Amino acid sequence: MSFRARPTNVNEQLVEYAELGYVSDVDPAGSAHSIRVSVSVVVFATILVAAGAAVAAVQFNGNHSTVREVIGIVLAAIGTALLVAAVHHLYQMAIATDSVKIKPGAVIPPELVRPGNWIHRKGAWARVDEIGPDRTGRISALLSSGEIVYLDSSVTIAGDAFRPAGDPLGGLNRR
C-alpha cells in the first residue's frame, strides 16, 4: 500500500510518471478544497474592500477623522491585495488542471546537461536522473524511464531561454 499523495493536477501526474513510471488519477478532493479556500478569500477580500469604501464614504459626509481615513485606506488596500491574489490563484488552478507547461527552452551541449533537466528525445520529454561520462568518454544519461542514452550532440532542455550550442572551433577564428 502506498502512502504517497495522489496528484492534484496533470503537472504532478507528469512528475509522478517521471519518478515512478506510472500515473495515478488526479485527486479531485485536493483541488476542490483549494477552490473552496480561494472562493472564501475572494468573499472576505470583497467585504474588506466594501468596508474600506464605506469608511471613505463617511469621510466625504463632513465627519473628517484622520484615523478613520487611515483605517479605510488600509482595509481597502488589504482587501484589494487579497482579492487579486485569490483571483490569480483560481486562474492558475484553472490553467494547471488541463495543461502541462514544459516547453523547449535551451539547446545546450551534452556537457551542460544536469540531473533533473528535462530533455527532448524522440518526440517526448524525459527527465535526466543521472549523467556522466562512461569509460570511452561518451556522455551517458540515465533517464527517469530507466533507459540509458548517449548524448552525442546538443540537446534541447526545458525551462530556459534559447542559447545556441557553443562553437568548438570558435577560438581558432582570427582576423
Protein backbone atom coordinates (compact mmCIF):
# COMPACT_ATOMS: atom_id res chain seq x y z
CA MET A 1 0.00 0.00 0.00
CA SER A 2 1.36 3.39 -0.98
CA PHE A 3 1.18 6.38 1.35
CA ARG A 4 2.07 8.77 -1.45
CA ALA A 5 -0.49 11.52 -2.06
CA ARG A 6 -2.35 11.33 -5.34
CA PRO A 7 -1.54 14.06 -7.86
CA THR A 8 -3.87 17.06 -7.89
CA ASN A 9 -3.21 18.13 -11.50
CA VAL A 10 -1.51 16.97 -14.69
CA ASN A 11 1.78 18.65 -13.79
CA GLU A 12 2.02 16.46 -10.69
CA GLN A 13 0.99 13.46 -12.80
CA LEU A 14 3.91 14.16 -15.14
CA VAL A 15 6.35 14.32 -12.24
CA GLU A 16 4.89 11.10 -10.78
CA TYR A 17 5.30 9.35 -14.12
CA ALA A 18 8.90 10.54 -14.39
CA GLU A 19 9.73 9.37 -10.86
CA LEU A 20 7.74 6.13 -10.61
CA GLY A 21 6.92 5.10 -14.16
CA TYR A 22 3.14 5.09 -13.70
CA VAL A 23 0.35 7.64 -13.43
CA SER A 24 -2.39 7.82 -10.79
CA ASP A 25 -5.73 9.51 -11.32
CA VAL A 26 -5.96 13.15 -10.31
CA ASP A 27 -7.26 13.59 -6.76
CA PRO A 28 -10.36 15.80 -7.07
CA ALA A 29 -10.60 16.36 -3.29
CA GLY A 30 -7.35 18.35 -3.12
CA SER A 31 -8.31 20.82 -5.82
CA ALA A 32 -11.90 21.12 -4.51
CA HIS A 33 -10.60 22.13 -1.07
CA SER A 34 -8.22 24.65 -2.62
CA ILE A 35 -11.05 26.14 -4.69
CA ARG A 36 -13.25 26.48 -1.58
CA VAL A 37 -10.47 28.28 0.29
CA SER A 38 -9.81 30.63 -2.64
CA VAL A 39 -13.51 31.47 -3.03
CA SER A 40 -13.71 32.16 0.73
CA VAL A 41 -10.73 34.51 0.43
CA VAL A 42 -12.44 36.29 -2.50
CA VAL A 43 -15.59 36.82 -0.39
CA PHE A 44 -13.55 38.02 2.62
CA ALA A 45 -11.48 40.38 0.43
CA THR A 46 -14.64 41.81 -1.13
CA ILE A 47 -16.03 42.51 2.34
CA LEU A 48 -12.77 44.27 3.29
CA VAL A 49 -12.88 46.44 0.15
CA ALA A 50 -16.53 47.29 0.85
CA ALA A 51 -15.72 48.19 4.47
CA GLY A 52 -12.87 50.41 3.31
CA ALA A 53 -15.16 52.11 0.79
CA ALA A 54 -17.83 52.63 3.47
CA VAL A 55 -15.32 54.28 5.79
CA ALA A 56 -14.19 56.51 2.93
CA ALA A 57 -17.83 57.41 2.16
CA VAL A 58 -18.33 58.52 5.75
CA GLN A 59 -15.32 60.81 5.36
CA PHE A 60 -16.96 62.69 2.49
CA ASN A 61 -20.08 63.46 4.56
CA GLY A 62 -18.23 66.01 6.65
CA ASN A 63 -17.08 63.89 9.60
CA HIS A 64 -13.37 64.22 8.98
CA SER A 65 -11.13 61.94 11.03
CA THR A 66 -7.58 61.05 10.11
CA VAL A 67 -7.77 57.75 12.00
CA ARG A 68 -10.86 56.65 10.06
CA GLU A 69 -9.21 57.78 6.84
CA VAL A 70 -6.15 55.61 7.51
CA ILE A 71 -8.30 52.64 8.58
CA GLY A 72 -10.40 52.91 5.41
CA ILE A 73 -7.30 53.08 3.20
CA VAL A 74 -5.65 50.13 4.96
CA LEU A 75 -8.80 47.98 4.77
CA ALA A 76 -9.28 48.73 1.09
CA ALA A 77 -5.60 48.07 0.29
CA ILE A 78 -5.53 44.75 2.16
CA GLY A 79 -8.82 43.70 0.59
CA THR A 80 -7.63 44.59 -2.89
CA ALA A 81 -4.36 42.69 -2.43
CA LEU A 82 -6.19 39.60 -1.13
CA LEU A 83 -8.72 39.82 -3.94
CA VAL A 84 -6.03 39.99 -6.63
CA ALA A 85 -4.07 37.10 -5.05
CA ALA A 86 -7.13 34.85 -4.71
CA VAL A 87 -8.36 35.51 -8.25
CA HIS A 88 -4.84 34.87 -9.59
CA HIS A 89 -4.70 31.58 -7.65
CA LEU A 90 -8.06 30.50 -9.09
CA TYR A 91 -6.84 31.39 -12.58
CA GLN A 92 -3.60 29.41 -12.10
CA MET A 93 -5.58 26.39 -10.89
CA ALA A 94 -7.82 26.56 -13.94
CA ILE A 95 -4.79 26.54 -16.22
CA ALA A 96 -2.83 23.87 -14.31
CA THR A 97 -5.58 21.28 -14.26
CA ASP A 98 -5.60 20.70 -18.01
CA SER A 99 -2.16 21.59 -19.34
CA VAL A 100 1.47 20.71 -18.86
CA LYS A 101 3.82 23.66 -19.09
CA ILE A 102 7.03 22.13 -20.37
CA LYS A 103 8.34 23.80 -23.48
CA PRO A 104 11.64 23.65 -25.34
CA GLY A 105 13.86 26.27 -23.85
CA ALA A 106 17.57 25.84 -24.43
CA VAL A 107 19.81 23.96 -26.82
CA ILE A 108 22.92 23.02 -24.90
CA PRO A 109 25.91 20.73 -25.39
CA PRO A 110 25.86 17.41 -23.51
CA GLU A 111 28.47 18.63 -21.01
CA LEU A 112 25.98 21.17 -19.61
CA VAL A 113 23.08 18.74 -19.07
CA ARG A 114 22.48 18.20 -15.34
CA PRO A 115 20.43 15.70 -13.33
CA GLY A 116 16.87 17.00 -13.06
CA ASN A 117 16.86 18.55 -16.55
CA TRP A 118 14.06 17.55 -18.90
CA ILE A 119 15.45 16.67 -22.33
CA HIS A 120 13.51 16.37 -25.57
CA ARG A 121 14.13 12.96 -27.09
CA LYS A 122 12.21 11.04 -29.79
CA GLY A 123 9.31 13.50 -29.73
CA ALA A 124 8.79 13.30 -25.95
CA TRP A 125 10.20 14.76 -22.75
CA ALA A 126 12.27 12.65 -20.35
CA ARG A 127 13.84 13.66 -17.05
CA VAL A 128 17.56 13.02 -16.52
CA ASP A 129 18.21 11.19 -13.23
CA GLU A 130 21.98 10.76 -13.56
CA ILE A 131 24.59 11.84 -16.08
CA GLY A 132 28.28 11.26 -16.60
CA PRO A 133 30.99 10.04 -18.96
CA ASP A 134 31.39 6.30 -19.44
CA ARG A 135 34.74 4.51 -19.88
CA THR A 136 35.01 5.53 -23.51
CA GLY A 137 34.47 9.22 -22.70
CA ARG A 138 30.97 9.40 -24.18
CA ILE A 139 28.41 11.19 -22.02
CA SER A 140 25.60 8.89 -20.96
CA ALA A 141 22.37 9.82 -19.21
CA LEU A 142 20.08 7.65 -17.09
CA LEU A 143 16.52 8.76 -17.81
CA SER A 144 13.56 8.52 -15.46
CA SER A 145 12.19 5.73 -17.65
CA GLY A 146 15.22 3.58 -16.74
CA GLU A 147 16.70 3.93 -20.21
CA ILE A 148 20.39 4.82 -20.65
CA VAL A 149 21.13 7.04 -23.65
CA TYR A 150 24.30 8.53 -25.06
CA LEU A 151 24.27 12.26 -25.61
CA ASP A 152 26.42 12.64 -28.72
CA SER A 153 25.14 16.02 -29.86
CA SER A 154 23.42 19.10 -28.47
CA VAL A 155 20.07 18.50 -26.76
CA THR A 156 17.01 20.63 -26.08
CA ILE A 157 16.14 21.09 -22.42
CA ALA A 158 13.07 22.69 -20.86
CA GLY A 159 12.86 25.85 -18.84
CA ASP A 160 15.46 28.31 -20.04
CA ALA A 161 15.96 30.89 -22.73
CA PHE A 162 17.35 29.68 -26.05
CA ARG A 163 21.12 29.57 -26.21
CA PRO A 164 22.95 28.32 -29.27
CA ALA A 165 25.39 25.50 -28.63
CA GLY A 166 29.00 26.70 -28.38
CA ASP A 167 31.22 26.55 -31.44
CA PRO A 168 34.11 24.20 -30.63
CA LEU A 169 36.27 25.88 -33.33
CA GLY A 170 35.28 29.44 -32.37
CA GLY A 171 38.59 30.10 -30.62
CA LEU A 172 40.56 29.29 -33.80
CA ASN A 173 38.93 32.03 -35.86
CA ARG A 174 41.23 35.04 -36.16
CA ARG A 175 41.01 38.20 -38.22
